[in-house]
């Protein structure tokens, strides 16, 4: 669905993108993560035909964004990190306006709009004026606007930005529904753990370079820290922390009232041997479990140092 080769973008002397290469398969939900100013929004703007690249190629469904922008626009729904709404419109009028802009007949719009409002949980607000909606409702209305022409690709720049926890959950459930409908979705976000629940792949961008790409398991496998263990003990926790520091494959340790979090670099057989040694040493282990490294850990590990190396 998306093919990017050698993409650069400069604003005067500042180089926002430094030769990005990226492919995203049809039906994939792709998470684009990185700090502010890394180049996420610039890349999305180029894909949405709102900015021209300085060099390189970007294609959507085989169409070059610079050579065939009209064909690209037919296939995308773009939601920027700020939502543009017309306060004096009712929600249905707002969607009618955009539906008409895409050439949908009145009959088509009257059939489609109730479905869109149901999808984004705004059916009970169909006669409400836009300026009376909460921020979360406006975000969902803008998402419905992106869907009015049934695009194959959704480009969502920080769709959960500024939302309260309940509104974020609602947005996440809507995105899961769109995924089940076969939409290809690019999402940028700083809410990394929530993003991990929705995406098939992630791309980490920093200083205009794509520093990592793949599913979360693949990226984790490339990290120095392979796993995080939690060893819960009945007693002697402080003593056990000192014991663990002397063991092989041990990284960072963090102790709490019930046990110890261990960043562990060994394999399964090494982990089993560690358990055996601790039991033989007389430590009373209540549980010994492995926690998945979350997406935030992945992001911090990949980007530390900021050298842009893969």
Protein backbone atom coordinates (compact mmCIF):
# COMPACT_ATOMS: atom_id res chain seq x y z
CA UNK A 1 0.00 0.00 0.00
CA UNK A 2 2.87 2.39 0.81
CA UNK A 3 6.32 2.51 -0.74
CA UNK A 4 8.88 5.13 0.29
CA UNK A 5 12.42 5.25 -1.08
CA UNK A 6 15.15 7.73 -0.19
CA UNK A 7 12.65 10.31 1.06
CA UNK A 8 14.13 13.63 2.16
CA UNK A 9 12.59 16.93 3.12
CA UNK A 10 14.45 20.14 3.86
CA UNK A 11 13.18 23.44 5.22
CA UNK A 12 16.01 25.80 4.34
CA UNK A 13 19.11 24.51 6.08
CA UNK A 14 17.11 22.19 8.33
CA UNK A 15 16.76 18.61 7.05
CA UNK A 16 13.57 17.16 8.51
CA UNK A 17 13.83 13.81 6.69
CA UNK A 18 17.15 12.19 5.85
CA UNK A 19 16.56 9.44 3.32
CA UNK A 20 13.72 7.32 4.70
CA UNK A 21 12.99 3.90 3.17
CA UNK A 22 9.71 2.29 4.21
CA UNK A 23 7.14 -0.18 2.87
CA UNK A 24 3.77 -0.91 4.48
CA UNK A 25 1.63 -3.82 3.32
CA UNK A 26 -2.05 -3.57 2.52
CA UNK A 27 -4.22 -4.16 5.60
CA UNK A 28 -1.38 -3.43 8.02
CA UNK A 29 -1.81 -1.20 11.05
CA UNK A 30 1.49 0.64 11.31
CA UNK A 31 2.57 2.63 14.35
CA UNK A 32 4.87 5.57 13.71
CA UNK A 33 6.63 6.57 16.91
CA UNK A 34 9.27 9.11 17.78
CA UNK A 35 9.88 12.29 19.77
CA UNK A 36 8.53 15.67 18.75
CA UNK A 37 10.34 16.99 15.71
CA UNK A 38 11.55 13.55 14.62
CA UNK A 39 9.81 13.71 11.24
CA UNK A 40 6.56 11.80 11.76
CA UNK A 41 4.18 14.59 10.75
CA UNK A 42 6.41 15.61 7.83
CA UNK A 43 6.32 12.07 6.43
CA UNK A 44 2.55 11.89 6.88
CA UNK A 45 2.04 15.27 5.21
CA UNK A 46 4.00 14.09 2.17
CA UNK A 47 1.92 10.89 1.97
CA UNK A 48 -1.23 13.02 2.23
CA UNK A 49 0.01 15.19 -0.71
CA UNK A 50 0.13 18.26 1.54
CA UNK A 51 3.89 18.70 1.24
CA UNK A 52 6.37 18.00 -1.53
CA UNK A 53 9.49 15.97 -0.80
CA UNK A 54 12.87 17.50 -1.51
CA UNK A 55 13.98 14.22 -3.06
CA UNK A 56 13.02 10.57 -3.09
CA UNK A 57 9.83 8.70 -3.95
CA UNK A 58 6.61 8.15 -2.03
CA UNK A 59 3.82 6.02 -3.47
CA UNK A 60 0.34 5.13 -2.23
CA UNK A 61 -1.27 2.10 -3.84
CA UNK A 62 1.23 2.43 -6.69
CA UNK A 63 0.57 6.15 -7.32
CA UNK A 64 3.37 8.64 -6.88
CA UNK A 65 2.28 11.39 -4.47
CA UNK A 66 3.93 14.11 -6.56
CA UNK A 67 2.93 12.88 -10.03
CA UNK A 68 -0.61 11.63 -9.30
CA UNK A 69 -1.86 13.52 -6.22
CA UNK A 70 -5.54 13.31 -7.21
CA UNK A 71 -5.39 9.52 -7.41
CA UNK A 72 -3.66 9.40 -4.04
CA UNK A 73 -6.30 11.63 -2.41
CA UNK A 74 -9.06 9.30 -3.56
CA UNK A 75 -7.42 6.50 -1.61
CA UNK A 76 -6.56 8.20 1.66
CA UNK A 77 -8.30 9.61 4.67
CA UNK A 78 -6.07 12.08 6.50
CA UNK A 79 -6.58 13.20 10.08
CA UNK A 80 -4.02 15.81 11.20
CA UNK A 81 -2.91 16.30 14.79
CA UNK A 82 -5.37 19.17 15.08
CA UNK A 83 -8.98 18.76 14.04
CA UNK A 84 -10.60 21.19 11.63
CA UNK A 85 -14.28 21.61 12.33
CA UNK A 86 -16.92 24.18 11.45
CA UNK A 87 -18.59 25.21 14.67
CA UNK A 88 -21.82 26.44 13.14
CA UNK A 89 -22.54 23.05 11.51
CA UNK A 90 -24.45 20.22 13.07
CA UNK A 91 -22.59 16.91 13.00
CA UNK A 92 -24.73 15.59 10.14
CA UNK A 93 -24.31 18.84 8.18
CA UNK A 94 -20.56 18.60 8.65
CA UNK A 95 -20.46 15.09 7.18
CA UNK A 96 -22.86 16.04 4.36
CA UNK A 97 -20.50 18.88 3.43
CA UNK A 98 -17.50 16.57 3.12
CA UNK A 99 -19.51 13.83 1.43
CA UNK A 100 -20.64 16.30 -1.21
CA UNK A 101 -17.05 17.45 -1.63
CA UNK A 102 -16.14 13.89 -2.56
CA UNK A 103 -18.98 13.73 -5.09
CA UNK A 104 -21.41 11.57 -3.12
CA UNK A 105 -25.06 12.11 -4.02
CA UNK A 106 -27.57 13.19 -1.38
CA UNK A 107 -29.07 9.70 -1.37
CA UNK A 108 -25.65 8.12 -0.86
CA UNK A 109 -24.84 10.54 1.95
CA UNK A 110 -28.15 9.93 3.72
CA UNK A 111 -27.43 6.20 3.71
CA UNK A 112 -23.79 6.53 4.72
CA UNK A 113 -23.81 9.18 7.44
CA UNK A 114 -25.89 7.23 10.02
CA UNK A 115 -23.45 4.31 9.58
CA UNK A 116 -20.46 6.55 10.16
CA UNK A 117 -22.00 8.14 13.23
CA UNK A 118 -22.73 4.69 14.63
CA UNK A 119 -19.15 3.57 13.95
CA UNK A 120 -17.68 6.50 15.90
CA UNK A 121 -20.34 6.37 18.65
CA UNK A 122 -21.94 9.72 17.82
CA UNK A 123 -25.44 8.62 16.82
CA UNK A 124 -26.95 10.44 19.80
CA UNK A 125 -25.15 13.64 18.70
CA UNK A 126 -26.40 13.70 15.12
CA UNK A 127 -28.32 16.95 15.63
CA UNK A 128 -25.79 18.58 17.95
CA UNK A 129 -23.75 21.57 16.84
CA UNK A 130 -20.07 20.85 16.48
CA UNK A 131 -19.04 23.57 18.93
CA UNK A 132 -21.01 21.82 21.70
CA UNK A 133 -19.05 18.57 21.36
CA UNK A 134 -16.26 17.56 23.71
CA UNK A 135 -12.71 17.25 22.42
CA UNK A 136 -13.02 13.48 22.21
CA UNK A 137 -16.26 13.74 20.25
CA UNK A 138 -14.69 16.21 17.83
CA UNK A 139 -11.79 13.79 17.31
CA UNK A 140 -14.24 10.99 16.51
CA UNK A 141 -16.22 13.24 14.18
CA UNK A 142 -13.03 14.06 12.28
CA UNK A 143 -12.33 10.34 12.01
CA UNK A 144 -15.80 9.87 10.51
CA UNK A 145 -14.99 12.66 8.05
CA UNK A 146 -11.87 10.73 6.97
CA UNK A 147 -14.05 7.70 6.20
CA UNK A 148 -16.77 9.43 4.20
CA UNK A 149 -15.32 8.35 0.83
CA UNK A 150 -14.36 4.84 2.05
CA UNK A 151 -10.58 5.22 1.65
CA UNK A 152 -8.22 2.25 1.61
CA UNK A 153 -5.60 4.05 3.71
CA UNK A 154 -6.05 6.09 6.88
CA UNK A 155 -3.27 8.47 7.93
CA UNK A 156 -3.89 9.45 11.55
CA UNK A 157 -1.48 11.92 13.12
CA UNK A 158 -1.75 11.70 16.93
CA UNK A 159 -5.43 10.62 16.92
CA UNK A 160 -5.53 10.32 20.72
CA UNK A 161 -3.67 13.55 21.46
CA UNK A 162 -5.16 15.49 24.36
CA UNK A 163 -7.87 12.95 25.10
CA UNK A 164 -8.81 11.82 28.58
CA UNK A 165 -8.44 8.09 29.43
CA UNK A 166 -12.05 7.23 28.59
CA UNK A 167 -11.89 9.01 25.23
CA UNK A 168 -8.62 7.23 24.44
CA UNK A 169 -10.25 3.87 25.09
CA UNK A 170 -13.15 4.80 22.79
CA UNK A 171 -10.73 5.86 20.04
CA UNK A 172 -8.74 2.65 20.42
CA UNK A 173 -11.87 0.50 20.05
CA UNK A 174 -12.88 2.38 16.89
CA UNK A 175 -9.44 1.82 15.40
CA UNK A 176 -9.67 -1.89 16.18
CA UNK A 177 -12.99 -1.99 14.32
CA UNK A 178 -11.43 -0.23 11.31
CA UNK A 179 -8.60 -2.75 11.36
CA UNK A 180 -11.14 -5.58 11.24
CA UNK A 181 -12.65 -3.91 8.15
CA UNK A 182 -9.33 -4.33 6.33
CA UNK A 183 -8.22 -0.70 6.33
CA UNK A 184 -4.53 0.08 6.11
CA UNK A 185 -3.79 2.50 8.94
CA UNK A 186 -0.77 4.61 9.84
CA UNK A 187 -0.94 5.98 13.38
CA UNK A 188 1.55 8.29 15.00
CA UNK A 189 1.44 8.50 18.75
CA UNK A 190 3.38 9.19 21.93
CA UNK A 191 1.03 6.91 23.89
CA UNK A 192 3.31 3.98 23.25
CA UNK A 193 1.82 1.19 25.41
CA UNK A 194 -1.65 1.82 23.97
CA UNK A 195 -0.26 1.82 20.44
CA UNK A 196 1.28 -1.59 21.06
CA UNK A 197 -2.19 -3.08 21.52
CA UNK A 198 -3.32 -2.02 18.05
CA UNK A 199 -0.43 -2.18 15.62
CA UNK A 200 1.00 -4.98 13.50
CA UNK A 201 4.29 -3.18 12.98
CA UNK A 202 6.06 -0.14 14.33
CA UNK A 203 8.60 2.24 12.87
CA UNK A 204 10.78 4.31 15.17
CA UNK A 205 11.91 7.62 13.69
CA UNK A 206 14.42 9.99 15.22
CA UNK A 207 16.25 13.00 13.78
CA UNK A 208 14.62 12.38 10.40
CA UNK A 209 15.84 8.79 10.14
CA UNK A 210 13.99 5.50 10.50
CA UNK A 211 16.07 3.78 13.17
CA UNK A 212 14.00 0.58 13.50
CA UNK A 213 11.08 -1.17 11.80
CA UNK A 214 9.28 -4.46 12.38
CA UNK A 215 6.78 -6.08 14.67
CA UNK A 216 7.37 -5.51 18.36
CA UNK A 217 8.76 -9.02 18.93
CA UNK A 218 11.29 -8.60 16.11
CA UNK A 219 12.47 -5.26 17.42
CA UNK A 220 12.71 -6.57 20.98
CA UNK A 221 14.86 -9.45 19.77
CA UNK A 222 17.44 -6.94 18.51
CA UNK A 223 17.75 -5.20 21.86
CA UNK A 224 20.53 -5.83 24.33
CA UNK A 225 17.95 -6.44 27.03
CA UNK A 226 16.02 -9.49 25.88
CA UNK A 227 13.58 -9.87 28.75
CA UNK A 228 12.50 -8.54 32.11
CA UNK A 229 12.04 -11.06 34.93
CA UNK A 230 10.14 -10.52 38.15
CA UNK A 231 11.32 -12.68 41.04
CA UNK A 232 8.93 -12.58 43.99
CA UNK A 233 10.45 -13.74 47.27
CA UNK A 234 9.06 -14.65 50.67
CA UNK A 235 11.96 -12.94 52.48
CA UNK A 236 15.65 -11.93 52.18
CA UNK A 237 14.85 -9.61 49.25
CA UNK A 238 17.72 -7.20 49.83
CA UNK A 239 20.16 -10.07 50.21
CA UNK A 240 18.82 -11.67 47.01
CA UNK A 241 19.46 -8.45 45.12
CA UNK A 242 23.14 -8.63 46.05
CA UNK A 243 23.25 -12.30 45.08
CA UNK A 244 21.75 -11.58 41.66
CA UNK A 245 24.29 -8.87 40.91
CA UNK A 246 26.97 -11.56 40.97
CA UNK A 247 25.15 -13.83 38.51
CA UNK A 248 25.75 -13.99 34.73
CA UNK A 249 23.43 -12.29 32.19
CA UNK A 250 22.08 -9.85 34.80
CA UNK A 251 21.45 -6.27 33.74
CA UNK A 252 19.61 -3.54 35.61
CA UNK A 253 17.88 -4.49 38.89
CA UNK A 254 15.00 -2.79 40.67
CA UNK A 255 13.76 -3.98 44.06
CA UNK A 256 10.30 -3.46 45.58
CA UNK A 257 8.63 -4.72 48.76
CA UNK A 258 7.82 -8.14 47.34
CA UNK A 259 10.57 -8.94 44.89
CA UNK A 260 13.05 -7.85 42.25
CA UNK A 261 12.71 -6.77 38.60
CA UNK A 262 15.66 -8.11 36.62
CA UNK A 263 16.73 -7.07 33.11
CA UNK A 264 18.02 -10.40 31.86
CA UNK A 265 20.17 -11.13 28.81
CA UNK A 266 20.27 -14.91 29.00
CA UNK A 267 18.24 -17.55 27.16
CA UNK A 268 15.62 -19.97 28.52
CA UNK A 269 18.20 -22.53 29.68
CA UNK A 270 20.18 -19.80 31.47
CA UNK A 271 17.00 -18.63 33.18
CA UNK A 272 16.23 -22.19 34.35
CA UNK A 273 19.75 -22.53 35.73
CA UNK A 274 19.38 -19.25 37.62
CA UNK A 275 16.21 -20.50 39.30
CA UNK A 276 18.01 -23.69 40.34
CA UNK A 277 20.95 -21.79 41.83
CA UNK A 278 18.69 -19.48 43.81
CA UNK A 279 16.71 -22.38 45.26
CA UNK A 280 19.94 -24.22 46.10
CA UNK A 281 21.19 -21.07 47.84
CA UNK A 282 18.14 -21.18 50.11
CA UNK A 283 16.07 -18.33 48.66
CA UNK A 284 12.35 -18.95 49.07
CA UNK A 285 10.90 -18.00 45.67
CA UNK A 286 7.14 -17.39 45.56
CA UNK A 287 7.02 -16.77 41.79
CA UNK A 288 9.44 -16.35 38.92
CA UNK A 289 7.77 -14.72 35.91
CA UNK A 290 8.75 -13.05 32.66
CA UNK A 291 7.25 -9.70 31.71
CA UNK A 292 7.03 -8.54 28.11
CA UNK A 293 9.11 -5.47 27.39
CA UNK A 294 6.55 -2.81 26.52
CA UNK A 295 6.78 -0.48 23.56
CA UNK A 296 8.02 2.37 25.72
CA UNK A 297 11.02 0.29 26.82
CA UNK A 298 11.68 -0.57 23.17
CA UNK A 299 11.56 3.08 22.13
CA UNK A 300 13.90 4.23 24.88
CA UNK A 301 16.38 1.43 24.22
CA UNK A 302 16.46 2.00 20.45
CA UNK A 303 16.79 5.76 20.57
CA UNK A 304 19.29 6.08 23.42
CA UNK A 305 22.44 7.68 22.16
CA UNK A 306 20.62 9.28 19.22
CA UNK A 307 23.16 8.12 16.64
CA UNK A 308 20.49 6.98 14.21
CA UNK A 309 22.08 3.57 13.74
CA UNK A 310 19.92 0.56 13.03
